Amino acid sequence: MKHTNFHKNFKLNNNSFQTIDEVLSYALHFSPDIHLFLKDWFSEKEVVIVNTSGSTGAPKSIQIEKKQMQYSALATGAFFHLNTNTTALLCLPIAYIAGKMMLIRALTLGWHLDIVESSNNPLKETSKEYDFSAMVPLQVAQSFDKLFQIKKLIIGGGVVPNNLLEKLQNTTTEVFATYGMTETITHIAVKRLNNSILPQESVTKQFTSKEMVTLQIKTSGKSFYQTLPNTTIYKDERNCLVIKNEKISNEVLFTNDVVDLISDTQFEWLGRFDNVINSGGIKLHPEKIEDKLTKIMKQRFFVAGISDEQLGEKLVLIVEGNTSSLNLTKANLSKFEFPKETFFIDNFVETETKKIQRKKTLDLIFIGGY
């Protein structure tokens, strides 16, 4: 497996290629950004420089080995039964790992990949059906009426709100949430979001003559994240997830994600350790509170802790859009989970991948004199 080559069945926008030069020539006229990435990919360098999105901290550049990216592509193909000639749609920015990996999967596995502009409604201008795609929650919501055009869809880049989750139960598309980050080369775990009454599936894929990987995708009852092949997980003293997978990372990855371990291969995500609010000695997980609020909220929102003389931190609700009357009593919040104040802002600050930048949004309200 060499990154200096590509699968003979690979197609880009319905174009076939015999040589790397043909691929690069087409990409140059189609998209300068894609051309630059492919030129780097087909070079003799062993690593790719990838930028993080900056949703949970300052954006940074990291090095990822090309062979690790190819293994990640193989693992995704095995997990989702996406073999040669899979039709796929790339509608995420090529500047970040999720967009890059869609292209690497196509090159490595011999997919037929179409690329469209990364917009809020990527299916608007197409009637073509695809085997696979990846989107952020906002794209899924805006594309819902045409979501049937995609057989299998992974969603990353943010939590899927409950109102969208309920709608997804009525689509024929197989929808999965993903867990991962740039350092794990996109997802290292997935969970089924809809059609949970289907029987349990198993995936078997032979990677080498000695290595057989068998996965179980839990699709009955409550859905948990299921790890991909060769991934070991455990918790540190903060109850945060620790990830070990030598095929995609040379280091053990210590995350800031608080989890419950269901088994050696399954976990439930509870929230970010660095988002925990200590209000009067009571520790509050914003993500848990937001999960309850999604049942009654129509606008985008998040909760956060701000400095308070009496409590240390007080819980506040930040809502995107016009000021409106909110009845939070129907959200089944505990007495500690009720926001002390609510603030409205016209637009949240976002990353290029449409993730909400909570800290910058808060700074805009409380420091920027919004």
Protein backbone atom coordinates (compact mmCIF):
# COMPACT_ATOMS: atom_id res chain seq x y z
CA MET A 1 0.00 0.00 0.00
CA LYS A 2 1.74 3.17 -1.20
CA HIS A 3 0.46 6.71 -1.00
CA THR A 4 2.27 7.45 -4.27
CA ASN A 5 -0.38 5.47 -6.14
CA PHE A 6 -4.17 5.24 -6.29
CA HIS A 7 -6.79 2.55 -6.86
CA LYS A 8 -7.44 1.81 -10.52
CA ASN A 9 -11.21 2.16 -9.98
CA PHE A 10 -10.94 5.65 -8.47
CA LYS A 11 -13.11 8.26 -10.17
CA LEU A 12 -13.45 11.97 -9.46
CA ASN A 13 -16.59 13.72 -10.71
CA ASN A 14 -17.15 10.78 -13.09
CA ASN A 15 -13.63 11.07 -14.54
CA SER A 16 -11.26 8.09 -14.65
CA PHE A 17 -7.47 8.45 -14.55
CA GLN A 18 -4.51 6.37 -15.65
CA THR A 19 -1.69 8.36 -14.08
CA ILE A 20 -1.03 10.68 -11.17
CA ASP A 21 -0.31 13.49 -13.63
CA GLU A 22 -3.82 13.09 -15.06
CA VAL A 23 -5.33 13.36 -11.58
CA LEU A 24 -3.27 16.46 -10.78
CA SER A 25 -4.04 18.11 -14.13
CA TYR A 26 -7.78 17.64 -13.62
CA ALA A 27 -7.64 18.86 -10.03
CA LEU A 28 -5.70 21.98 -11.04
CA HIS A 29 -8.56 23.13 -13.26
CA PHE A 30 -11.28 21.94 -10.91
CA SER A 31 -10.02 23.23 -7.54
CA PRO A 32 -6.64 24.80 -6.66
CA ASP A 33 -7.06 23.71 -3.02
CA ILE A 34 -7.67 20.08 -3.96
CA HIS A 35 -4.79 20.23 -6.43
CA LEU A 36 -2.41 21.44 -3.71
CA PHE A 37 -3.49 18.67 -1.35
CA LEU A 38 -3.19 15.95 -4.00
CA LYS A 39 0.21 17.25 -5.07
CA ASP A 40 1.33 16.97 -1.46
CA TRP A 41 -0.30 13.54 -1.09
CA PHE A 42 1.43 12.08 -4.15
CA SER A 43 4.82 13.49 -3.13
CA GLU A 44 7.52 11.36 -1.53
CA LYS A 45 6.92 12.96 1.88
CA GLU A 46 5.69 10.51 4.50
CA VAL A 47 3.46 12.99 6.36
CA VAL A 48 0.65 15.46 5.70
CA ILE A 49 0.22 18.73 7.60
CA VAL A 50 -3.39 19.05 8.82
CA ASN A 51 -5.07 21.98 10.56
CA THR A 52 -7.42 21.50 13.51
CA SER A 53 -10.73 23.37 13.35
CA GLY A 54 -10.28 25.33 16.58
CA SER A 55 -13.72 24.56 18.03
CA THR A 56 -12.33 23.61 21.46
CA GLY A 57 -9.12 25.62 21.47
CA ALA A 58 -6.70 27.58 19.32
CA PRO A 59 -6.35 26.12 15.80
CA LYS A 60 -3.06 24.32 15.29
CA SER A 61 -1.20 22.34 12.65
CA ILE A 62 -0.24 18.72 13.23
CA GLN A 63 1.63 16.08 11.22
CA ILE A 64 -0.12 12.84 10.27
CA GLU A 65 1.58 9.92 8.56
CA LYS A 66 0.12 9.06 5.16
CA LYS A 67 0.13 5.33 5.94
CA GLN A 68 -2.01 6.06 9.02
CA MET A 69 -4.52 7.97 6.88
CA GLN A 70 -4.70 5.01 4.51
CA TYR A 71 -5.32 2.62 7.39
CA SER A 72 -8.11 4.88 8.65
CA ALA A 73 -9.65 4.72 5.16
CA LEU A 74 -9.50 0.91 5.18
CA ALA A 75 -11.08 0.75 8.64
CA THR A 76 -13.99 2.95 7.56
CA GLY A 77 -14.52 0.91 4.43
CA ALA A 78 -14.60 -2.33 6.43
CA PHE A 79 -16.88 -0.99 9.15
CA PHE A 80 -19.52 0.34 6.76
CA HIS A 81 -19.18 -2.31 4.00
CA LEU A 82 -18.01 0.35 1.52
CA ASN A 83 -16.07 -1.55 -1.10
CA THR A 84 -14.63 -0.72 -4.51
CA ASN A 85 -16.92 1.36 -6.77
CA THR A 86 -18.76 2.91 -3.81
CA THR A 87 -20.36 6.19 -4.87
CA ALA A 88 -19.59 8.98 -2.42
CA LEU A 89 -20.21 12.70 -2.04
CA LEU A 90 -17.64 15.12 -0.60
CA CYS A 91 -19.33 18.29 0.68
CA LEU A 92 -16.94 19.28 3.48
CA PRO A 93 -13.98 21.71 3.24
CA ILE A 94 -10.80 20.06 1.95
CA ALA A 95 -8.82 22.27 4.35
CA TYR A 96 -9.67 20.03 7.31
CA ILE A 97 -9.23 16.35 8.10
CA ALA A 98 -12.84 15.29 7.41
CA GLY A 99 -12.68 16.61 3.84
CA LYS A 100 -9.21 15.24 3.24
CA MET A 101 -10.19 11.78 4.46
CA MET A 102 -13.16 11.52 2.08
CA LEU A 103 -10.69 12.02 -0.76
CA ILE A 104 -8.17 9.55 0.72
CA ARG A 105 -10.90 6.91 1.13
CA ALA A 106 -11.82 7.29 -2.52
CA LEU A 107 -8.18 7.09 -3.68
CA THR A 108 -7.40 4.11 -1.43
CA LEU A 109 -10.58 2.05 -1.86
CA GLY A 110 -11.44 2.85 -5.47
CA TRP A 111 -14.55 4.92 -4.86
CA HIS A 112 -16.38 7.11 -7.36
CA LEU A 113 -16.28 10.48 -5.64
CA ASP A 114 -18.22 13.62 -6.53
CA ILE A 115 -17.18 16.93 -4.99
CA VAL A 116 -19.61 19.81 -4.46
CA GLU A 117 -19.21 23.16 -2.76
CA SER A 118 -19.21 23.02 1.03
CA SER A 119 -22.54 24.77 1.66
CA ASN A 120 -25.33 24.48 4.20
CA ASN A 121 -27.45 22.58 1.65
CA PRO A 122 -25.04 20.42 -0.39
CA LEU A 123 -27.79 18.29 -2.01
CA LYS A 124 -29.70 21.28 -3.39
CA GLU A 125 -28.28 21.09 -6.91
CA THR A 126 -28.03 17.32 -7.34
CA SER A 127 -30.51 14.51 -7.89
CA LYS A 128 -27.86 11.78 -7.92
CA GLU A 129 -27.95 9.01 -5.32
CA TYR A 130 -24.87 8.06 -3.30
CA ASP A 131 -23.76 5.12 -1.17
CA PHE A 132 -21.96 7.29 1.37
CA SER A 133 -21.32 10.83 2.55
CA ALA A 134 -20.28 12.86 5.59
CA MET A 135 -21.91 16.05 6.84
CA VAL A 136 -22.10 18.35 9.85
CA PRO A 137 -25.48 18.62 11.66
CA LEU A 138 -26.41 21.94 10.01
CA GLN A 139 -25.97 20.42 6.54
CA VAL A 140 -28.11 17.41 7.50
CA ALA A 141 -30.90 19.67 8.77
CA GLN A 142 -30.86 21.84 5.64
CA SER A 143 -30.69 18.79 3.32
CA PHE A 144 -33.27 16.67 5.10
CA ASP A 145 -35.87 16.65 2.30
CA LYS A 146 -33.30 15.10 -0.05
CA LEU A 147 -31.46 12.94 2.45
CA PHE A 148 -32.91 9.78 0.87
CA GLN A 149 -30.34 10.28 -1.91
CA ILE A 150 -27.66 9.00 0.48
CA LYS A 151 -27.71 5.38 1.68
CA LYS A 152 -25.23 5.74 4.54
CA LEU A 153 -24.38 9.03 6.22
CA ILE A 154 -21.95 9.89 8.99
CA ILE A 155 -22.38 13.07 11.00
CA GLY A 156 -19.52 14.81 12.76
CA GLY A 157 -18.46 18.22 13.92
CA GLY A 158 -21.07 18.65 16.64
CA VAL A 159 -23.88 17.10 18.64
CA VAL A 160 -27.03 16.21 16.70
CA PRO A 161 -29.94 18.11 18.32
CA ASN A 162 -32.94 16.11 19.49
CA ASN A 163 -35.37 17.69 17.03
CA LEU A 164 -33.16 16.57 14.14
CA LEU A 165 -32.61 13.17 15.75
CA GLU A 166 -36.38 12.63 15.86
CA LYS A 167 -36.70 13.52 12.17
CA LEU A 168 -33.91 11.09 11.27
CA GLN A 169 -36.04 8.17 12.50
CA ASN A 170 -38.26 8.70 9.46
CA THR A 171 -35.58 8.57 6.78
CA THR A 172 -34.39 5.53 4.83
CA THR A 173 -30.80 6.72 5.15
CA GLU A 174 -28.65 4.81 7.63
CA VAL A 175 -27.32 7.59 9.85
CA PHE A 176 -24.37 7.38 12.23
CA ALA A 177 -22.81 9.85 14.65
CA THR A 178 -19.02 9.78 14.73
CA TYR A 179 -16.53 10.35 17.52
CA GLY A 180 -13.08 11.58 16.66
CA MET A 181 -10.74 14.50 16.15
CA THR A 182 -7.96 15.55 13.82
CA GLU A 183 -5.44 13.59 15.90
CA THR A 184 -7.42 10.36 15.41
CA ILE A 185 -7.72 10.99 11.64
CA THR A 186 -11.49 11.61 11.88
CA HIS A 187 -13.60 8.96 13.60
CA ILE A 188 -12.37 6.13 15.79
CA ALA A 189 -15.92 5.25 16.93
CA VAL A 190 -19.46 5.49 15.57
CA LYS A 191 -22.99 4.99 16.83
CA ARG A 192 -26.22 4.37 14.97
CA LEU A 193 -28.68 7.25 15.23
CA ASN A 194 -31.77 5.81 13.56
CA ASN A 195 -33.62 2.55 12.79
CA SER A 196 -32.51 1.22 16.17
CA ILE A 197 -34.98 -1.68 15.98
CA LEU A 198 -32.96 -3.38 13.25
CA PRO A 199 -31.23 -6.64 14.23
CA GLN A 200 -27.62 -6.52 15.36
CA GLU A 201 -25.13 -6.40 12.49
CA SER A 202 -21.60 -7.72 12.41
CA VAL A 203 -18.71 -6.69 10.20
CA THR A 204 -15.82 -8.94 9.32
CA LYS A 205 -12.82 -7.79 7.31
CA GLN A 206 -9.45 -9.43 6.73
CA PHE A 207 -6.73 -6.76 6.76
CA THR A 208 -3.78 -9.17 6.55
CA SER A 209 -3.33 -12.93 6.36
CA LYS A 210 -3.01 -13.09 10.15
CA GLU A 211 -5.32 -10.28 11.24
CA MET A 212 -9.07 -10.73 11.37
CA VAL A 213 -11.18 -7.96 12.83
CA THR A 214 -14.74 -8.61 13.96
CA LEU A 215 -16.96 -5.74 14.98
CA GLN A 216 -20.38 -5.62 16.56
CA ILE A 217 -22.55 -2.58 15.82
CA LYS A 218 -25.09 -2.14 18.62
CA THR A 219 -28.42 -1.21 17.04
CA SER A 220 -30.90 -2.30 19.70
CA GLY A 221 -31.86 -0.36 22.79
CA LYS A 222 -29.76 2.65 23.74
CA SER A 223 -27.06 3.35 21.21
CA PHE A 224 -23.44 3.77 22.30
CA TYR A 225 -20.27 4.60 20.43
CA GLN A 226 -18.62 1.49 19.02
CA THR A 227 -14.88 1.62 18.37
CA LEU A 228 -13.31 0.79 15.02
CA PRO A 229 -10.71 -2.00 14.61
CA ASN A 230 -7.59 -2.16 16.80
CA THR A 231 -8.73 0.66 19.10
CA THR A 232 -8.18 0.31 22.85
CA ILE A 233 -10.07 2.65 25.18
CA TYR A 234 -9.97 3.40 28.90
CA LYS A 235 -10.50 6.31 31.31
CA ASP A 236 -8.02 8.51 33.15
CA GLU A 237 -8.39 9.90 36.68
CA ARG A 238 -10.69 12.65 35.34
CA ASN A 239 -13.03 10.02 33.82
CA CYS A 240 -11.92 11.25 30.38
CA LEU A 241 -11.49 8.93 27.42
CA VAL A 242 -8.01 7.66 26.56
CA ILE A 243 -7.43 6.19 23.09
CA LYS A 244 -4.73 3.83 21.89
CA ASN A 245 -4.53 2.72 18.26
CA GLU A 246 -0.99 2.32 16.94
CA LYS A 247 -2.20 2.13 13.34
CA ILE A 248 -3.52 5.70 13.36
CA SER A 249 -1.39 7.38 16.05
CA ASN A 250 2.12 6.88 17.41
CA GLU A 251 1.02 8.22 20.78
CA VAL A 252 -1.64 7.41 23.35
CA LEU A 253 -4.27 10.16 23.08
CA PHE A 254 -5.63 11.68 26.29
CA THR A 255 -8.88 13.50 25.53
CA ASN A 256 -10.97 16.01 27.49
CA ASP A 257 -14.15 14.01 26.84
CA VAL A 258 -15.89 12.65 29.92
CA VAL A 259 -17.33 9.19 29.19
CA ASP A 260 -18.96 6.13 30.71
CA LEU A 261 -17.33 2.90 29.53
CA ILE A 262 -20.00 0.36 28.56
CA SER A 263 -17.53 -2.33 27.52
CA ASP A 264 -14.00 -2.67 26.14
CA THR A 265 -15.28 -1.42 22.79
CA GLN A 266 -18.26 0.81 23.66
CA PHE A 267 -18.69 4.08 25.50
CA GLU A 268 -21.22 6.82 26.17
CA TRP A 269 -20.07 10.43 25.70
CA LEU A 270 -21.13 12.68 28.59
CA GLY A 271 -19.47 16.00 27.75
CA ARG A 272 -16.27 18.01 27.74
CA PHE A 273 -14.19 18.12 30.94
CA ASP A 274 -13.17 21.71 30.19
CA ASN A 275 -16.84 22.71 29.86
CA VAL A 276 -17.80 21.52 33.35
CA ILE A 277 -19.35 24.34 35.40
CA ASN A 278 -18.72 24.48 39.16
CA SER A 279 -21.66 26.49 40.45
CA GLY A 280 -21.75 26.78 44.24
CA GLY A 281 -19.97 23.44 44.56
CA ILE A 282 -22.37 21.67 42.17
CA LYS A 283 -20.68 20.32 39.02
CA LEU A 284 -22.83 20.79 35.95
CA HIS A 285 -22.23 19.21 32.51
CA PRO A 286 -23.45 21.68 29.85
CA GLU A 287 -23.97 18.91 27.32
CA LYS A 288 -26.40 17.07 29.61
CA ILE A 289 -28.39 20.26 30.20
CA GLU A 290 -28.41 21.06 26.49
CA ASP A 291 -29.70 17.58 25.73
CA LYS A 292 -32.75 18.32 27.91
CA LEU A 293 -33.24 21.79 26.45
CA THR A 294 -33.23 20.57 22.84
CA LYS A 295 -36.68 19.11 23.44
CA ILE A 296 -38.16 22.61 23.77
CA MET A 297 -35.73 24.93 21.94
CA LYS A 298 -36.24 25.82 18.28
CA GLN A 299 -33.29 28.21 17.95
CA ARG A 300 -29.63 27.27 18.21
CA PHE A 301 -28.31 27.65 21.75
CA PHE A 302 -25.76 26.55 24.29
CA VAL A 303 -25.25 26.88 28.04
CA ALA A 304 -22.08 28.05 29.75
CA GLY A 305 -20.67 29.20 33.05
CA ILE A 306 -19.66 32.81 33.67
CA SER A 307 -17.94 34.34 36.69
CA ASP A 308 -20.17 35.04 39.70
CA GLU A 309 -19.19 36.48 43.11
CA GLN A 310 -21.48 34.22 45.13
CA LEU A 311 -21.49 30.97 43.15
CA GLY A 312 -18.02 31.13 41.60
CA GLU A 313 -19.65 30.35 38.28
CA LYS A 314 -23.28 30.77 37.29
CA LEU A 315 -25.10 28.92 34.56
CA VAL A 316 -26.30 31.06 31.63
CA LEU A 317 -28.21 30.25 28.44
CA ILE A 318 -26.99 31.73 25.13
CA VAL A 319 -29.57 31.77 22.32
CA GLU A 320 -29.02 32.63 18.65
CA GLY A 321 -31.66 34.86 17.08
CA ASN A 322 -34.27 37.35 18.14
CA THR A 323 -35.26 37.85 21.76
CA SER A 324 -38.22 35.65 22.62
CA SER A 325 -40.11 34.30 25.60
CA LEU A 326 -38.81 30.91 26.75
CA ASN A 327 -40.63 28.43 28.98
CA LEU A 328 -37.93 26.16 30.38
CA THR A 329 -40.15 24.33 32.84
CA LYS A 330 -41.01 21.64 30.27
CA ALA A 331 -37.35 20.62 29.85
CA ASN A 332 -37.26 18.51 33.05
CA LEU A 333 -34.28 20.41 34.42
CA SER A 334 -33.18 19.92 38.02
CA LYS A 335 -33.18 23.01 40.23
CA PHE A 336 -29.43 23.41 39.70
CA GLU A 337 -29.76 23.12 35.91
CA PHE A 338 -32.00 26.15 35.41
CA PRO A 339 -29.99 29.00 33.81
CA LYS A 340 -29.64 32.06 36.03
CA GLU A 341 -29.76 34.39 33.00
CA THR A 342 -30.51 34.18 29.27
CA PHE A 343 -28.67 36.17 26.58
CA PHE A 344 -29.64 36.53 22.92
CA ILE A 345 -27.18 37.14 20.08
CA ASP A 346 -27.85 37.57 16.36
CA ASN A 347 -25.24 35.03 15.20
CA PHE A 348 -22.92 32.60 16.92
CA VAL A 349 -19.22 32.72 16.09
CA GLU A 350 -18.38 29.60 14.03
CA THR A 351 -15.38 27.79 12.64
CA GLU A 352 -15.09 27.24 8.89
CA THR A 353 -16.58 23.79 9.48
CA LYS A 354 -19.71 25.32 11.07
CA LYS A 355 -18.84 24.36 14.65
CA ILE A 356 -19.95 26.84 17.30
CA GLN A 357 -17.04 28.61 18.97
CA ARG A 358 -18.44 28.96 22.46
CA LYS A 359 -15.64 30.98 24.02
CA LYS A 360 -15.49 33.50 21.18
CA THR A 361 -19.27 33.84 21.24
CA LEU A 362 -19.17 34.47 24.99
CA ASP A 363 -16.35 36.98 24.52
CA LEU A 364 -18.45 38.81 21.95
CA ILE A 365 -21.27 39.16 24.47
CA PHE A 366 -19.38 39.89 27.68
CA ILE A 367 -16.14 41.48 26.45
CA GLY A 368 -17.04 42.89 23.07
CA GLY A 369 -19.96 44.86 24.47
CA TYR A 370 -22.46 43.15 22.20
